[in-house]
Amino acid sequence: MKGQEQKGSAAPMGTSPATECRAEFIFYARNQSRKLGSVEVLGDYTCDFRRPDWAHRWTDWNSGRNHYLNLFLCAKHARELGLL
């Protein structure tokens, strides 16, 4: 019975998987200085903007400190950040 009660309350906080934005583009840190732009995502990935550590990821990517960090973003958030 306890397992059944938990199933009902296991929904994510205010969002369902269908309403979350999905990544449409990958922005590679190494291409940032060369202005090569983005690459379309061929898989099903959540937009990094929705991650709990988003502020830290953006700071690392934008400053160029982490050359191995790639951003997976939907078109809306990429436009808001000036990447598209």
Foldseek 3Di string as FASTA:
>chain_A
DVVVVCVVVVAPDPDHPVPFDWFQWKAALQCVVVLPATDGDPDTGGFLCPDPCNVVLCVCSVVSVDRGRMGGHHPVVCVVVVRD
